[in-house]
């Protein structure tokens, strides 16, 4: 199964491969997933790495990644009150 990462701020995870289908969850930028099935009209059935949710997403919201990136630990996020080093 090809591995991928979410490249849009928020990506809907749908029950069926259609924009009219129920949105069952969402993925945010940088979340990793496995693609299980890809359709000719631009949809992919996926399984989210974090919580195992399965659903359909549009291929334009994904970028293929290597196994090493998929297996990498998540980055530490910035917290309010914490000094930025930029």
C-alpha atoms as a PDB file:
ATOM      1  CA  UNK A   1       0.000   0.000   0.000  1.00  0.00           C
ATOM      2  CA  UNK A   2       1.421   3.381  -0.939  1.00  0.00           C
ATOM      3  CA  UNK A   3       1.963   5.769   1.951  1.00  0.00           C
ATOM      4  CA  UNK A   4       0.915   9.416   1.828  1.00  0.00           C
ATOM      5  CA  UNK A   5       0.684  12.645   3.810  1.00  0.00           C
ATOM      6  CA  UNK A   6      -2.063  15.289   3.937  1.00  0.00           C
ATOM      7  CA  UNK A   7      -0.970  18.459   2.094  1.00  0.00           C
ATOM      8  CA  UNK A   8      -4.003  20.675   2.743  1.00  0.00           C
ATOM      9  CA  UNK A   9      -4.965  22.424   6.016  1.00  0.00           C
ATOM     10  CA  UNK A  10      -8.056  20.235   6.593  1.00  0.00           C
ATOM     11  CA  UNK A  11      -9.019  17.191   4.509  1.00  0.00           C
ATOM     12  CA  UNK A  12     -12.498  15.627   4.759  1.00  0.00           C
ATOM     13  CA  UNK A  13     -12.631  11.853   5.186  1.00  0.00           C
ATOM     14  CA  UNK A  14     -15.821  10.639   3.478  1.00  0.00           C
ATOM     15  CA  UNK A  15     -17.905   7.453   3.766  1.00  0.00           C
ATOM     16  CA  UNK A  16     -18.060   7.036  -0.040  1.00  0.00           C
ATOM     17  CA  UNK A  17     -15.997   8.417  -2.952  1.00  0.00           C
ATOM     18  CA  UNK A  18     -18.223  11.449  -3.548  1.00  0.00           C
ATOM     19  CA  UNK A  19     -18.240  15.092  -2.430  1.00  0.00           C
ATOM     20  CA  UNK A  20     -21.908  14.585  -1.480  1.00  0.00           C
ATOM     21  CA  UNK A  21     -21.089  11.669   0.825  1.00  0.00           C
ATOM     22  CA  UNK A  22     -21.171  11.978   4.614  1.00  0.00           C
ATOM     23  CA  UNK A  23     -17.988  13.402   6.149  1.00  0.00           C
ATOM     24  CA  UNK A  24     -17.031  10.840   8.809  1.00  0.00           C
ATOM     25  CA  UNK A  25     -13.816  12.482  10.015  1.00  0.00           C
ATOM     26  CA  UNK A  26     -11.126  14.979   9.048  1.00  0.00           C
ATOM     27  CA  UNK A  27      -7.356  14.915   8.696  1.00  0.00           C
ATOM     28  CA  UNK A  28      -5.137  17.944   9.204  1.00  0.00           C
ATOM     29  CA  UNK A  29      -1.990  19.041   7.406  1.00  0.00           C
ATOM     30  CA  UNK A  30       0.865  16.607   7.923  1.00  0.00           C
ATOM     31  CA  UNK A  31      -1.169  13.552   8.984  1.00  0.00           C
ATOM     32  CA  UNK A  32       0.096  10.295   7.482  1.00  0.00           C
ATOM     33  CA  UNK A  33      -2.053   7.561   5.979  1.00  0.00           C
ATOM     34  CA  UNK A  34      -2.033   4.418   3.864  1.00  0.00           C
ATOM     35  CA  UNK A  35      -3.867   4.302   0.541  1.00  0.00           C
ATOM     36  CA  UNK A  36      -5.801   1.082  -0.034  1.00  0.00           C
ATOM     37  CA  UNK A  37      -7.706   1.686  -3.272  1.00  0.00           C
ATOM     38  CA  UNK A  38      -7.487   4.407  -5.922  1.00  0.00           C
ATOM     39  CA  UNK A  39     -10.288   5.143  -8.410  1.00  0.00           C
ATOM     40  CA  UNK A  40      -9.972   6.447 -11.961  1.00  0.00           C
ATOM     41  CA  UNK A  41     -11.890   9.607 -11.023  1.00  0.00           C
ATOM     42  CA  UNK A  42      -9.413  10.791  -8.371  1.00  0.00           C
ATOM     43  CA  UNK A  43     -10.501   9.227  -5.071  1.00  0.00           C
ATOM     44  CA  UNK A  44      -8.472   7.085  -2.687  1.00  0.00           C
ATOM     45  CA  UNK A  45      -9.694   4.810   0.093  1.00  0.00           C
ATOM     46  CA  UNK A  46      -7.341   5.392   3.015  1.00  0.00           C
ATOM     47  CA  UNK A  47      -6.548   4.302   6.570  1.00  0.00           C
ATOM     48  CA  UNK A  48      -5.302   7.028   8.916  1.00  0.00           C
ATOM     49  CA  UNK A  49      -2.063   6.245  10.747  1.00  0.00           C
ATOM     50  CA  UNK A  50      -3.021   7.963  14.013  1.00  0.00           C
ATOM     51  CA  UNK A  51      -6.441   6.488  14.745  1.00  0.00           C
ATOM     52  CA  UNK A  52      -7.009   3.845  12.064  1.00  0.00           C
ATOM     53  CA  UNK A  53     -10.104   5.578  10.662  1.00  0.00           C
ATOM     54  CA  UNK A  54     -10.924   4.497   7.112  1.00  0.00           C
ATOM     55  CA  UNK A  55     -12.644   6.537   4.437  1.00  0.00           C
ATOM     56  CA  UNK A  56     -12.375   8.199   1.052  1.00  0.00           C
ATOM     57  CA  UNK A  57     -10.367  11.324   0.173  1.00  0.00           C
ATOM     58  CA  UNK A  58      -9.527  13.168  -3.033  1.00  0.00           C
ATOM     59  CA  UNK A  59      -6.062  12.395  -4.401  1.00  0.00           C
ATOM     60  CA  UNK A  60      -5.263  16.088  -4.889  1.00  0.00           C
ATOM     61  CA  UNK A  61      -5.100  16.426  -1.072  1.00  0.00           C
ATOM     62  CA  UNK A  62      -2.285  13.854  -0.764  1.00  0.00           C
ATOM     63  CA  UNK A  63       1.405  13.488  -1.528  1.00  0.00           C
ATOM     64  CA  UNK A  64       3.190  10.129  -1.630  1.00  0.00           C
ATOM     65  CA  UNK A  65       5.917   9.678   1.017  1.00  0.00           C
ATOM     66  CA  UNK A  66       8.637   7.103   1.775  1.00  0.00           C
ATOM     67  CA  UNK A  67       8.353   4.584   4.625  1.00  0.00           C
ATOM     68  CA  UNK A  68      11.008   6.482   6.647  1.00  0.00           C
ATOM     69  CA  UNK A  69       8.816   9.606   6.821  1.00  0.00           C
ATOM     70  CA  UNK A  70       5.719   7.564   7.631  1.00  0.00           C
ATOM     71  CA  UNK A  71       7.566   5.897  10.534  1.00  0.00           C
ATOM     72  CA  UNK A  72       9.137   9.130  11.864  1.00  0.00           C
ATOM     73  CA  UNK A  73       7.901  10.390  15.262  1.00  0.00           C
ATOM     74  CA  UNK A  74       5.488  13.341  15.124  1.00  0.00           C
ATOM     75  CA  UNK A  75       7.009  16.811  15.431  1.00  0.00           C
ATOM     76  CA  UNK A  76       6.536  18.676  18.695  1.00  0.00           C
ATOM     77  CA  UNK A  77       3.980  21.422  18.276  1.00  0.00           C
ATOM     78  CA  UNK A  78       4.361  24.992  19.496  1.00  0.00           C
ATOM     79  CA  UNK A  79       2.420  25.801  22.661  1.00  0.00           C
ATOM     80  CA  UNK A  80       1.071  29.216  23.805  1.00  0.00           C
ATOM     81  CA  UNK A  81       3.428  30.909  26.269  1.00  0.00           C
ATOM     82  CA  UNK A  82       6.442  29.110  24.820  1.00  0.00           C
ATOM     83  CA  UNK A  83       9.231  31.205  23.325  1.00  0.00           C
ATOM     84  CA  UNK A  84       9.617  30.967  19.567  1.00  0.00           C
ATOM     85  CA  UNK A  85      13.205  30.461  18.411  1.00  0.00           C
ATOM     86  CA  UNK A  86      12.634  32.114  15.026  1.00  0.00           C
END
